[in-house]
PDB file of N, CA and C in Angstrom:
ATOM      1  N   MET A   1     116.578  50.199 133.495  1.00  0.00           N
ATOM      2  CA  MET A   1     117.095  51.133 134.467  1.00  0.00           C
ATOM      3  C   MET A   1     115.941  51.825 135.163  1.00  0.00           C
ATOM      4  N   ASN A   2     115.547  51.259 136.267  1.00  0.00           N
ATOM      5  CA  ASN A   2     114.401  51.806 136.980  1.00  0.00           C
ATOM      6  C   ASN A   2     114.770  52.890 137.970  1.00  0.00           C
ATOM      7  N   ASN A   3     116.034  52.924 138.390  1.00  0.00           N
ATOM      8  CA  ASN A   3     116.391  53.948 139.357  1.00  0.00           C
ATOM      9  C   ASN A   3     117.789  54.487 139.077  1.00  0.00           C
ATOM     10  N   PRO A   4     118.097  55.633 139.672  1.00  0.00           N
ATOM     11  CA  PRO A   4     119.392  56.266 139.409  1.00  0.00           C
ATOM     12  C   PRO A   4     120.591  55.401 139.800  1.00  0.00           C
ATOM     13  N   THR A   5     120.472  54.637 140.865  1.00  0.00           N
ATOM     14  CA  THR A   5     121.585  53.792 141.307  1.00  0.00           C
ATOM     15  C   THR A   5     121.913  52.735 140.258  1.00  0.00           C
ATOM     16  N   GLU A   6     120.894  52.151 139.652  1.00  0.00           N
ATOM     17  CA  GLU A   6     121.130  51.162 138.597  1.00  0.00           C
ATOM     18  C   GLU A   6     121.782  51.806 137.383  1.00  0.00           C
ATOM     19  N   TYR A   7     121.345  53.000 137.039  1.00  0.00           N
ATOM     20  CA  TYR A   7     121.921  53.707 135.897  1.00  0.00           C
ATOM     21  C   TYR A   7     123.393  54.035 136.162  1.00  0.00           C
ATOM     22  N   GLN A   8     123.665  54.496 137.371  1.00  0.00           N
ATOM     23  CA  GLN A   8     125.046  54.796 137.753  1.00  0.00           C
ATOM     24  C   GLN A   8     125.903  53.531 137.694  1.00  0.00           C
ATOM     25  N   ALA A   9     125.380  52.421 138.180  1.00  0.00           N
ATOM     26  CA  ALA A   9     126.107  51.148 138.132  1.00  0.00           C
ATOM     27  C   ALA A   9     126.375  50.722 136.687  1.00  0.00           C
ATOM     28  N   ASP A  10     125.427  50.957 135.797  1.00  0.00           N
ATOM     29  CA  ASP A  10     125.620  50.611 134.382  1.00  0.00           C
ATOM     30  C   ASP A  10     126.760  51.426 133.758  1.00  0.00           C
ATOM     31  N   ILE A  11     126.852  52.682 134.127  1.00  0.00           N
ATOM     32  CA  ILE A  11     127.939  53.522 133.622  1.00  0.00           C
ATOM     33  C   ILE A  11     129.282  52.986 134.110  1.00  0.00           C
ATOM     34  N   LEU A  12     129.359  52.669 135.398  1.00  0.00           N
ATOM     35  CA  LEU A  12     130.613  52.150 135.948  1.00  0.00           C
ATOM     36  C   LEU A  12     130.951  50.773 135.381  1.00  0.00           C
ATOM     37  N   LYS A  13     129.938  49.952 135.149  1.00  0.00           N
ATOM     38  CA  LYS A  13     130.177  48.637 134.529  1.00  0.00           C
ATOM     39  C   LYS A  13     130.723  48.798 133.115  1.00  0.00           C
ATOM     40  N   ALA A  14     130.204  49.776 132.398  1.00  0.00           N
ATOM     41  CA  ALA A  14     130.680  49.999 131.033  1.00  0.00           C
ATOM     42  C   ALA A  14     132.161  50.363 131.031  1.00  0.00           C
ATOM     43  N   LEU A  15     132.603  51.090 132.033  1.00  0.00           N
ATOM     44  CA  LEU A  15     134.014  51.471 132.122  1.00  0.00           C
ATOM     45  C   LEU A  15     134.875  50.361 132.719  1.00  0.00           C
ATOM     46  N   GLY A  16     134.242  49.404 133.374  1.00  0.00           N
ATOM     47  CA  GLY A  16     134.965  48.376 134.106  1.00  0.00           C
ATOM     48  C   GLY A  16     135.345  47.164 133.282  1.00  0.00           C
ATOM     49  N   GLN A  17     135.779  47.353 132.070  1.00  0.00           N
ATOM     50  CA  GLN A  17     136.179  46.251 131.194  1.00  0.00           C
ATOM     51  C   GLN A  17     137.410  46.711 130.413  1.00  0.00           C
ATOM     52  N   PRO A  18     138.471  45.888 130.351  1.00  0.00           N
ATOM     53  CA  PRO A  18     139.735  46.336 129.747  1.00  0.00           C
ATOM     54  C   PRO A  18     139.630  46.878 128.318  1.00  0.00           C
ATOM     55  N   THR A  19     138.898  46.223 127.445  1.00  0.00           N
ATOM     56  CA  THR A  19     138.788  46.706 126.064  1.00  0.00           C
ATOM     57  C   THR A  19     138.103  48.061 126.028  1.00  0.00           C
ATOM     58  N   ARG A  20     137.066  48.221 126.810  1.00  0.00           N
ATOM     59  CA  ARG A  20     136.358  49.500 126.827  1.00  0.00           C
ATOM     60  C   ARG A  20     137.229  50.608 127.421  1.00  0.00           C
ATOM     61  N   LEU A  21     138.041  50.275 128.418  1.00  0.00           N
ATOM     62  CA  LEU A  21     138.966  51.277 128.953  1.00  0.00           C
ATOM     63  C   LEU A  21     140.000  51.680 127.907  1.00  0.00           C
ATOM     64  N   LYS A  22     140.478  50.732 127.118  1.00  0.00           N
ATOM     65  CA  LYS A  22     141.414  51.053 126.038  1.00  0.00           C
ATOM     66  C   LYS A  22     140.759  52.012 125.041  1.00  0.00           C
ATOM     67  N   ILE A  23     139.495  51.768 124.724  1.00  0.00           N
ATOM     68  CA  ILE A  23     138.773  52.630 123.785  1.00  0.00           C
ATOM     69  C   ILE A  23     138.670  54.046 124.345  1.00  0.00           C
ATOM     70  N   VAL A  24     138.255  54.155 125.597  1.00  0.00           N
ATOM     71  CA  VAL A  24     138.099  55.468 126.229  1.00  0.00           C
ATOM     72  C   VAL A  24     139.440  56.200 126.253  1.00  0.00           C
ATOM     73  N   GLU A  25     140.494  55.496 126.619  1.00  0.00           N
ATOM     74  CA  GLU A  25     141.828  56.122 126.625  1.00  0.00           C
ATOM     75  C   GLU A  25     142.225  56.590 125.221  1.00  0.00           C
ATOM     76  N   PHE A  26     141.929  55.786 124.215  1.00  0.00           N
ATOM     77  CA  PHE A  26     142.277  56.163 122.844  1.00  0.00           C
ATOM     78  C   PHE A  26     141.512  57.408 122.399  1.00  0.00           C
ATOM     79  N   LEU A  27     140.299  57.563 122.908  1.00  0.00           N
ATOM     80  CA  LEU A  27     139.469  58.712 122.535  1.00  0.00           C
ATOM     81  C   LEU A  27     139.736  59.949 123.403  1.00  0.00           C
ATOM     82  N   ARG A  28     140.660  59.825 124.332  1.00  0.00           N
ATOM     83  CA  ARG A  28     140.979  60.927 125.246  1.00  0.00           C
ATOM     84  C   ARG A  28     141.288  62.217 124.488  1.00  0.00           C
ATOM     85  N   ASP A  29     141.992  62.111 123.382  1.00  0.00           N
ATOM     86  CA  ASP A  29     142.417  63.304 122.642  1.00  0.00           C
ATOM     87  C   ASP A  29     141.430  63.759 121.576  1.00  0.00           C
ATOM     88  N   GLY A  30     140.280  63.107 121.489  1.00  0.00           N
ATOM     89  CA  GLY A  30     139.278  63.578 120.549  1.00  0.00           C
ATOM     90  C   GLY A  30     138.644  62.480 119.723  1.00  0.00           C
ATOM     91  N   GLU A  31     137.731  62.895 118.893  1.00  0.00           N
ATOM     92  CA  GLU A  31     136.923  62.017 118.051  1.00  0.00           C
ATOM     93  C   GLU A  31     137.797  61.181 117.110  1.00  0.00           C
ATOM     94  N   ARG A  32     137.402  59.924 116.941  1.00  0.00           N
ATOM     95  CA  ARG A  32     138.111  59.026 116.033  1.00  0.00           C
ATOM     96  C   ARG A  32     137.127  58.133 115.298  1.00  0.00           C
ATOM     97  N   CYS A  33     137.526  57.727 114.095  1.00  0.00           N
ATOM     98  CA  CYS A  33     136.747  56.798 113.283  1.00  0.00           C
ATOM     99  C   CYS A  33     136.962  55.373 113.792  1.00  0.00           C
ATOM    100  N   VAL A  34     135.939  54.551 113.644  1.00  0.00           N
ATOM    101  CA  VAL A  34     136.075  53.137 114.009  1.00  0.00           C
ATOM    102  C   VAL A  34     137.277  52.523 113.303  1.00  0.00           C
ATOM    103  N   CYS A  35     137.509  52.940 112.072  1.00  0.00           N
ATOM    104  CA  CYS A  35     138.631  52.398 111.287  1.00  0.00           C
ATOM    105  C   CYS A  35     139.977  52.700 111.934  1.00  0.00           C
ATOM    106  N   GLU A  36     140.040  53.691 112.823  1.00  0.00           N
ATOM    107  CA  GLU A  36     141.265  54.004 113.562  1.00  0.00           C
ATOM    108  C   GLU A  36     141.294  53.314 114.922  1.00  0.00           C
ATOM    109  N   ILE A  37     140.128  53.118 115.494  1.00  0.00           N
ATOM    110  CA  ILE A  37     140.049  52.621 116.869  1.00  0.00           C
ATOM    111  C   ILE A  37     140.473  51.162 116.976  1.00  0.00           C
ATOM    112  N   PHE A  38     139.882  50.285 116.162  1.00  0.00           N
ATOM    113  CA  PHE A  38     140.155  48.861 116.367  1.00  0.00           C
ATOM    114  C   PHE A  38     141.615  48.481 116.141  1.00  0.00           C
ATOM    115  N   PRO A  39     142.327  49.053 115.144  1.00  0.00           N
ATOM    116  CA  PRO A  39     143.742  48.692 115.047  1.00  0.00           C
ATOM    117  C   PRO A  39     144.569  49.250 116.214  1.00  0.00           C
ATOM    118  N   ALA A  40     144.198  50.433 116.700  1.00  0.00           N
ATOM    119  CA  ALA A  40     144.958  51.080 117.774  1.00  0.00           C
ATOM    120  C   ALA A  40     144.874  50.302 119.084  1.00  0.00           C
ATOM    121  N   ILE A  41     143.741  49.649 119.327  1.00  0.00           N
ATOM    122  CA  ILE A  41     143.591  48.914 120.588  1.00  0.00           C
ATOM    123  C   ILE A  41     143.874  47.421 120.429  1.00  0.00           C
ATOM    124  N   GLY A  42     144.163  46.991 119.191  1.00  0.00           N
ATOM    125  CA  GLY A  42     144.538  45.602 118.962  1.00  0.00           C
ATOM    126  C   GLY A  42     143.396  44.610 119.068  1.00  0.00           C
ATOM    127  N   GLU A  43     142.212  45.008 118.660  1.00  0.00           N
ATOM    128  CA  GLU A  43     141.033  44.143 118.713  1.00  0.00           C
ATOM    129  C   GLU A  43     140.438  44.005 117.316  1.00  0.00           C
ATOM    130  N   GLU A  44     139.626  42.972 117.136  1.00  0.00           N
ATOM    131  CA  GLU A  44     138.903  42.784 115.879  1.00  0.00           C
ATOM    132  C   GLU A  44     137.831  43.869 115.745  1.00  0.00           C
ATOM    133  N   GLN A  45     137.494  44.202 114.509  1.00  0.00           N
ATOM    134  CA  GLN A  45     136.500  45.251 114.280  1.00  0.00           C
ATOM    135  C   GLN A  45     135.150  44.892 114.886  1.00  0.00           C
ATOM    136  N   SER A  46     134.715  43.650 114.736  1.00  0.00           N
ATOM    137  CA  SER A  46     133.395  43.269 115.257  1.00  0.00           C
ATOM    138  C   SER A  46     133.350  43.380 116.785  1.00  0.00           C
ATOM    139  N   ASN A  47     134.419  42.951 117.442  1.00  0.00           N
ATOM    140  CA  ASN A  47     134.487  43.041 118.900  1.00  0.00           C
ATOM    141  C   ASN A  47     134.529  44.504 119.334  1.00  0.00           C
ATOM    142  N   THR A  48     135.310  45.304 118.647  1.00  0.00           N
ATOM    143  CA  THR A  48     135.406  46.725 118.960  1.00  0.00           C
ATOM    144  C   THR A  48     134.054  47.412 118.777  1.00  0.00           C
ATOM    145  N   SER A  49     133.358  47.098 117.701  1.00  0.00           N
ATOM    146  CA  SER A  49     132.042  47.696 117.451  1.00  0.00           C
ATOM    147  C   SER A  49     131.052  47.355 118.554  1.00  0.00           C
ATOM    148  N   ARG A  50     131.108  46.133 119.035  1.00  0.00           N
ATOM    149  CA  ARG A  50     130.220  45.724 120.137  1.00  0.00           C
ATOM    150  C   ARG A  50     130.494  46.569 121.381  1.00  0.00           C
ATOM    151  N   HIS A  51     131.764  46.762 121.707  1.00  0.00           N
ATOM    152  CA  HIS A  51     132.127  47.569 122.875  1.00  0.00           C
ATOM    153  C   HIS A  51     131.776  49.039 122.663  1.00  0.00           C
ATOM    154  N   LEU A  52     131.989  49.548 121.462  1.00  0.00           N
ATOM    155  CA  LEU A  52     131.624  50.938 121.166  1.00  0.00           C
ATOM    156  C   LEU A  52     130.118  51.154 121.329  1.00  0.00           C
ATOM    157  N   ASN A  53     129.333  50.198 120.873  1.00  0.00           N
ATOM    158  CA  ASN A  53     127.874  50.294 121.018  1.00  0.00           C
ATOM    159  C   ASN A  53     127.465  50.329 122.478  1.00  0.00           C
ATOM    160  N   MET A  54     128.117  49.514 123.298  1.00  0.00           N
ATOM    161  CA  MET A  54     127.775  49.496 124.723  1.00  0.00           C
ATOM    162  C   MET A  54     128.145  50.824 125.384  1.00  0.00           C
ATOM    163  N   LEU A  55     129.333  51.342 125.054  1.00  0.00           N
ATOM    164  CA  LEU A  55     129.740  52.628 125.621  1.00  0.00           C
ATOM    165  C   LEU A  55     128.815  53.755 125.174  1.00  0.00           C
ATOM    166  N   GLN A  56     128.364  53.690 123.948  1.00  0.00           N
ATOM    167  CA  GLN A  56     127.438  54.709 123.442  1.00  0.00           C
ATOM    168  C   GLN A  56     126.076  54.574 124.125  1.00  0.00           C
ATOM    169  N   ALA A  57     125.598  53.354 124.277  1.00  0.00           N
ATOM    170  CA  ALA A  57     124.304  53.123 124.936  1.00  0.00           C
ATOM    171  C   ALA A  57     124.336  53.549 126.403  1.00  0.00           C
ATOM    172  N   SER A  58     125.505  53.476 127.024  1.00  0.00           N
ATOM    173  CA  SER A  58     125.654  53.862 128.432  1.00  0.00           C
ATOM    174  C   SER A  58     125.796  55.369 128.609  1.00  0.00           C
ATOM    175  N   GLY A  59     125.894  56.098 127.500  1.00  0.00           N
ATOM    176  CA  GLY A  59     126.022  57.548 127.580  1.00  0.00           C
ATOM    177  C   GLY A  59     127.453  58.026 127.721  1.00  0.00           C
ATOM    178  N   ILE A  60     128.418  57.134 127.570  1.00  0.00           N
ATOM    179  CA  ILE A  60     129.820  57.513 127.720  1.00  0.00           C
ATOM    180  C   ILE A  60     130.360  58.106 126.422  1.00  0.00           C
ATOM    181  N   LEU A  61     129.928  57.544 125.286  1.00  0.00           N
ATOM    182  CA  LEU A  61     130.400  58.020 123.992  1.00  0.00           C
ATOM    183  C   LEU A  61     129.266  58.621 123.176  1.00  0.00           C
ATOM    184  N   SER A  62     129.623  59.547 122.300  1.00  0.00           N
ATOM    185  CA  SER A  62     128.694  60.030 121.279  1.00  0.00           C
ATOM    186  C   SER A  62     129.143  59.432 119.954  1.00  0.00           C
ATOM    187  N   ARG A  63     128.207  59.359 119.020  1.00  0.00           N
ATOM    188  CA  ARG A  63     128.498  58.747 117.720  1.00  0.00           C
ATOM    189  C   ARG A  63     127.920  59.631 116.624  1.00  0.00           C
ATOM    190  N   ARG A  64     128.672  59.746 115.526  1.00  0.00           N
ATOM    191  CA  ARG A  64     128.144  60.450 114.363  1.00  0.00           C
ATOM    192  C   ARG A  64     128.632  59.734 113.116  1.00  0.00           C
ATOM    193  N   LYS A  65     127.814  59.818 112.084  1.00  0.00           N
ATOM    194  CA  LYS A  65     128.139  59.182 110.810  1.00  0.00           C
ATOM    195  C   LYS A  65     128.482  60.258 109.797  1.00  0.00           C
ATOM    196  N   ASP A  66     129.544  60.003 109.039  1.00  0.00           N
ATOM    197  CA  ASP A  66     129.953  60.904 107.966  1.00  0.00           C
ATOM    198  C   ASP A  66     130.213  60.035 106.745  1.00  0.00           C
ATOM    199  N   GLY A  67     129.235  59.976 105.861  1.00  0.00           N
ATOM    200  CA  GLY A  67     129.334  59.064 104.718  1.00  0.00           C
ATOM    201  C   GLY A  67     129.313  57.627 105.199  1.00  0.00           C
ATOM    202  N   LEU A  68     130.330  56.883 104.863  1.00  0.00           N
ATOM    203  CA  LEU A  68     130.418  55.489 105.288  1.00  0.00           C
ATOM    204  C   LEU A  68     131.136  55.322 106.623  1.00  0.00           C
ATOM    205  N   LYS A  69     131.735  56.382 107.109  1.00  0.00           N
ATOM    206  CA  LYS A  69     132.519  56.296 108.344  1.00  0.00           C
ATOM    207  C   LYS A  69     131.687  56.668 109.555  1.00  0.00           C
ATOM    208  N   ILE A  70     131.965  55.971 110.658  1.00  0.00           N
ATOM    209  CA  ILE A  70     131.314  56.266 111.935  1.00  0.00           C
ATOM    210  C   ILE A  70     132.390  56.751 112.896  1.00  0.00           C
ATOM    211  N   TYR A  71     132.111  57.886 113.530  1.00  0.00           N
ATOM    212  CA  TYR A  71     133.054  58.502 114.446  1.00  0.00           C
ATOM    213  C   TYR A  71     132.506  58.454 115.869  1.00  0.00           C
ATOM    214  N   TYR A  72     133.406  58.223 116.810  1.00  0.00           N
ATOM    215  CA  TYR A  72     133.049  58.206 118.225  1.00  0.00           C
ATOM    216  C   TYR A  72     133.885  59.228 118.971  1.00  0.00           C
ATOM    217  N   ALA A  73     133.298  59.761 120.045  1.00  0.00           N
ATOM    218  CA  ALA A  73     133.991  60.717 120.908  1.00  0.00           C
ATOM    219  C   ALA A  73     133.471  60.548 122.331  1.00  0.00           C
ATOM    220  N   ILE A  74     134.244  61.007 123.276  1.00  0.00           N
ATOM    221  CA  ILE A  74     133.811  61.022 124.677  1.00  0.00           C
ATOM    222  C   ILE A  74     132.676  62.041 124.777  1.00  0.00           C
ATOM    223  N   LYS A  75     131.544  61.608 125.276  1.00  0.00           N
ATOM    224  CA  LYS A  75     130.375  62.486 125.350  1.00  0.00           C
ATOM    225  C   LYS A  75     130.469  63.457 126.527  1.00  0.00           C
ATOM    226  N   HIS A  76     130.969  62.962 127.644  1.00  0.00           N
ATOM    227  CA  HIS A  76     131.077  63.774 128.857  1.00  0.00           C
ATOM    228  C   HIS A  76     132.530  63.778 129.314  1.00  0.00           C
ATOM    229  N   PRO A  77     133.194  64.933 129.337  1.00  0.00           N
ATOM    230  CA  PRO A  77     134.603  64.975 129.738  1.00  0.00           C
ATOM    231  C   PRO A  77     134.842  64.432 131.156  1.00  0.00           C
ATOM    232  N   GLU A  78     133.806  64.436 131.975  1.00  0.00           N
ATOM    233  CA  GLU A  78     133.929  63.932 133.347  1.00  0.00           C
ATOM    234  C   GLU A  78     134.321  62.453 133.383  1.00  0.00           C
ATOM    235  N   VAL A  79     134.041  61.740 132.288  1.00  0.00           N
ATOM    236  CA  VAL A  79     134.415  60.321 132.206  1.00  0.00           C
ATOM    237  C   VAL A  79     135.918  60.174 132.382  1.00  0.00           C
ATOM    238  N   MET A  80     136.680  61.102 131.830  1.00  0.00           N
ATOM    239  CA  MET A  80     138.131  61.010 131.950  1.00  0.00           C
ATOM    240  C   MET A  80     138.577  61.223 133.386  1.00  0.00           C
ATOM    241  N   ALA A  81     137.834  62.005 134.153  1.00  0.00           N
ATOM    242  CA  ALA A  81     138.156  62.179 135.578  1.00  0.00           C
ATOM    243  C   ALA A  81     137.975  60.855 136.316  1.00  0.00           C
ATOM    244  N   ILE A  82     136.923  60.107 135.973  1.00  0.00           N
ATOM    245  CA  ILE A  82     136.703  58.794 136.588  1.00  0.00           C
ATOM    246  C   ILE A  82     137.863  57.862 136.256  1.00  0.00           C
ATOM    247  N   VAL A  83     138.267  57.844 134.985  1.00  0.00           N
ATOM    248  CA  VAL A  83     139.377  56.990 134.550  1.00  0.00           C
ATOM    249  C   VAL A  83     140.664  57.408 135.262  1.00  0.00           C
ATOM    250  N   ASP A  84     140.915  58.706 135.341  1.00  0.00           N
ATOM    251  CA  ASP A  84     142.130  59.193 135.993  1.00  0.00           C
ATOM    252  C   ASP A  84     142.144  58.872 137.485  1.00  0.00           C
ATOM    253  N   LEU A  85     141.003  59.016 138.137  1.00  0.00           N
ATOM    254  CA  LEU A  85     140.924  58.687 139.564  1.00  0.00           C
ATOM    255  C   LEU A  85     141.160  57.196 139.796  1.00  0.00           C
ATOM    256  N   SER A  86     140.619  56.357 138.926  1.00  0.00           N
ATOM    257  CA  SER A  86     140.842  54.919 139.092  1.00  0.00           C
ATOM    258  C   SER A  86     142.323  54.593 138.915  1.00  0.00           C
ATOM    259  N   ARG A  87     142.995  55.283 138.004  1.00  0.00           N
ATOM    260  CA  ARG A  87     144.439  55.083 137.816  1.00  0.00           C
ATOM    261  C   ARG A  87     145.202  55.515 139.063  1.00  0.00           C
ATOM    262  N   GLN A  88     144.818  56.642 139.677  1.00  0.00           N
ATOM    263  CA  GLN A  88     145.479  57.111 140.897  1.00  0.00           C
ATOM    264  C   GLN A  88     145.329  56.090 142.021  1.00  0.00           C
ATOM    265  N   ILE A  89     144.130  55.530 142.157  1.00  0.00           N
ATOM    266  CA  ILE A  89     143.898  54.508 143.178  1.00  0.00           C
ATOM    267  C   ILE A  89     144.779  53.294 142.909  1.00  0.00           C
ATOM    268  N   MET A  90     144.853  52.873 141.647  1.00  0.00           N
ATOM    269  CA  MET A  90     145.679  51.729 141.279  1.00  0.00           C
ATOM    270  C   MET A  90     147.137  51.975 141.654  1.00  0.00           C
ATOM    271  N   VAL A  91     147.674  53.154 141.315  1.00  0.00           N
ATOM    272  CA  VAL A  91     149.066  53.473 141.617  1.00  0.00           C
ATOM    273  C   VAL A  91     149.297  53.469 143.131  1.00  0.00           C
ATOM    274  N   GLN A  92     148.381  54.044 143.877  1.00  0.00           N
ATOM    275  CA  GLN A  92     148.517  54.067 145.340  1.00  0.00           C
ATOM    276  C   GLN A  92     148.509  52.649 145.911  1.00  0.00           C
ATOM    277  N   GLU A  93     147.638  51.799 145.393  1.00  0.00           N
ATOM    278  CA  GLU A  93     147.570  50.419 145.874  1.00  0.00           C
ATOM    279  C   GLU A  93     148.844  49.653 145.545  1.00  0.00           C
ATOM    280  N   ILE A  94     149.329  49.812 144.327  1.00  0.00           N
ATOM    281  CA  ILE A  94     150.558  49.119 143.921  1.00  0.00           C
ATOM    282  C   ILE A  94     151.735  49.620 144.748  1.00  0.00           C
ATOM    283  N   THR A  95     151.822  50.935 144.927  1.00  0.00           N
ATOM    284  CA  THR A  95     152.908  51.507 145.719  1.00  0.00           C
ATOM    285  C   THR A  95     152.852  50.993 147.157  1.00  0.00           C
ATOM    286  N   GLY A  96     151.666  50.972 147.724  1.00  0.00           N
ATOM    287  CA  GLY A  96     151.504  50.482 149.098  1.00  0.00           C
ATOM    288  C   GLY A  96     151.899  49.023 149.232  1.00  0.00           C
ATOM    289  N   LYS A  97     151.523  48.206 148.275  1.00  0.00           N
ATOM    290  CA  LYS A  97     151.873  46.785 148.325  1.00  0.00           C
ATOM    291  C   LYS A  97     153.375  46.588 148.145  1.00  0.00           C
ATOM    292  N   ASN A  98     153.993  47.406 147.275  1.00  0.00           N
ATOM    293  CA  ASN A  98     155.437  47.306 147.081  1.00  0.00           C
ATOM    294  C   ASN A  98     156.186  47.701 148.345  1.00  0.00           C
ATOM    295  N   LEU A  99     155.710  48.760 149.015  1.00  0.00           N
ATOM    296  CA  LEU A  99     156.340  49.167 150.260  1.00  0.00           C
ATOM    297  C   LEU A  99     156.199  48.091 151.322  1.00  0.00           C
ATOM    298  N   LEU A 100     155.043  47.471 151.361  1.00  0.00           N
ATOM    299  CA  LEU A 100     154.803  46.393 152.316  1.00  0.00           C
ATOM    300  C   LEU A 100     155.737  45.210 152.042  1.00  0.00           C
ATOM    301  N   LEU A 101     155.908  44.865 150.773  1.00  0.00           N
ATOM    302  CA  LEU A 101     156.806  43.764 150.400  1.00  0.00           C
ATOM    303  C   LEU A 101     158.257  44.081 150.730  1.00  0.00           C
ATOM    304  N   GLN A 102     158.656  45.345 150.574  1.00  0.00           N
ATOM    305  CA  GLN A 102     160.031  45.741 150.880  1.00  0.00           C
ATOM    306  C   GLN A 102     160.306  45.660 152.374  1.00  0.00           C
ATOM    307  N   ALA A 103     159.268  45.856 153.165  1.00  0.00           N
ATOM    308  CA  ALA A 103     159.433  45.805 154.631  1.00  0.00           C
ATOM    309  C   ALA A 103     159.573  44.378 155.142  1.00  0.00           C
ATOM    310  N   VAL A 104     159.209  43.413 154.339  1.00  0.00           N
ATOM    311  CA  VAL A 104     159.263  42.007 154.773  1.00  0.00           C
ATOM    312  C   VAL A 104     160.655  41.475 154.703  1.00  0.00           C
TER     313      VAL A 104
END
């Protein structure tokens, strides 16, 4: 990451993957153990851990260890604003396309 634009793109890329979005949504209400995350999102533990590591490396999640358990949380609450805005755009696009189809 040599410049701010690349760093910003890395953050958006980290959020731009369905499994990682499921993880972020699951963590919306607070910190959770890996042992809770992978069953909740319907993924294998190894795959979930890989995605959690990427989100943590991108600065989206924080991680802490308590004994044998590893807990993750949203590091910056602003991440949820990005997720919410993307959902609003999606709804507007779907609504617009549905209205267009109804007019045909």
